[in-house]
Amino acid sequence: MESRDGRTLISIGFASIAILFLLYARLGDSEITPDAIPAMERLGLAFYAMFLLALGAIAYGFYQYHKKTAYETGSGILAVIARVTWNKKSRRIFAATSIGYGIFFALTSGILVYQPDVVFSKHYGVIVPSAQLAPCCGDVGYVPKFILYLTDHVGFQVIPINLVLQIAVSYMVGLNAAIAANAFSILKKSSGVGSVAAATGLFIACPTCAGTFLSLFVSSGALALTLAITQIQTILIGLTIPLLVLTPVIMAKKIKGSGWSCKIES
C-alpha cells in the first residue's frame, strides 16, 4: 500500500474513535465522587483533543484517497466518482451543500441550540460567553458533552456520536449533490433518462430536509410535536443512509455507460 493512499489514515481514525468511545464510557460508568470531577474534566479535554485528531486524520485520509483515485488510470466506479468530482465546480457545490446541510442538521439534532424564550445566564447560572464540559455520565458515544454558551439565547451542545453522524451525513449529502450536478451536464447529452436519474440523485442528497424545515417552524411550546418530528428525522436518516451510499454508485454507472471519459492532468 502506498504511503499516500489515505486508507491507512481512515482506518486508524475510525479505530481511534471507537476505542475512545468505549474507554471513556467504561471510565464514566465507575463511581464518580466530587473530588474526582476535576480529573474527569481533564480526561474529557484529552478525549476531545484525541477525538479531533482522529477526525482530522479521517478527513485528510479521504482527501488523499480521493486525489489518488482521481489520478489513477483505472475505469472502476470509484475512479469515475473521483474524476467527476475532482474539479473546482464540484468542490464549490460540495462545500456549499455540506455546510448548508450541516447547519440544518445541527439545528434539528440539538447541536446548535437557539432558545429565544430562555436566558441562559439566568436559567442555568452560567457566564456568557463561556464553555464547559459535562464529563459524566452516559452511554457509549454520548459522553463527554461539550457545551458552549455564545449568547444568552444561542449555544452549542456537542455530543460525540452526534458530531460523527453529522459530519458523515453532511459529507455524503455534499458528495451526492456534486455528482448529481455534474451528471446533469454529462448525461443530458446521451439521454433524457440520465437527466432524470441525476435529478433523483440531487433530491436524495437532502434526505431529512422535510423534517428539518418542519422543525424550524414548530413553536417551542409544541413539545410533543417537536419530539415526534425529531424521531421521524432520525428514522429518515437511518433509511436514507443506504441511499446516500448507493446513489453515487448508480449515477457513476450511468455516467460510465454513457461513454464519458475524463483524464485528470497532473
Foldseek 3Di string as FASTA:
>chain_A
DDPLQLVVLQVVLVVQLQVLLVVLQVVQVDDDDPVCVVVLQVVQVVSVVSNVVSVVSNVSSVVSNLVVLCQDPDLDLSNLLSVLQPDPQLVVLLVVQLVVLLVLLCDLVVQKFFDPVFFCCPPVVDDEFDKGWQADDDHRQQPTWIKTHHGRGIIGIDGRVSVVLSNVLSNLLSSLLSLLVSQCVQVVVQDPVSNVLSVVSNVLSNQLVVLSVVLVPDDPVPVVVSVVSSVVSVVSSVVSVVVSVCSSSVNSVSSVVSVDDDHDDD
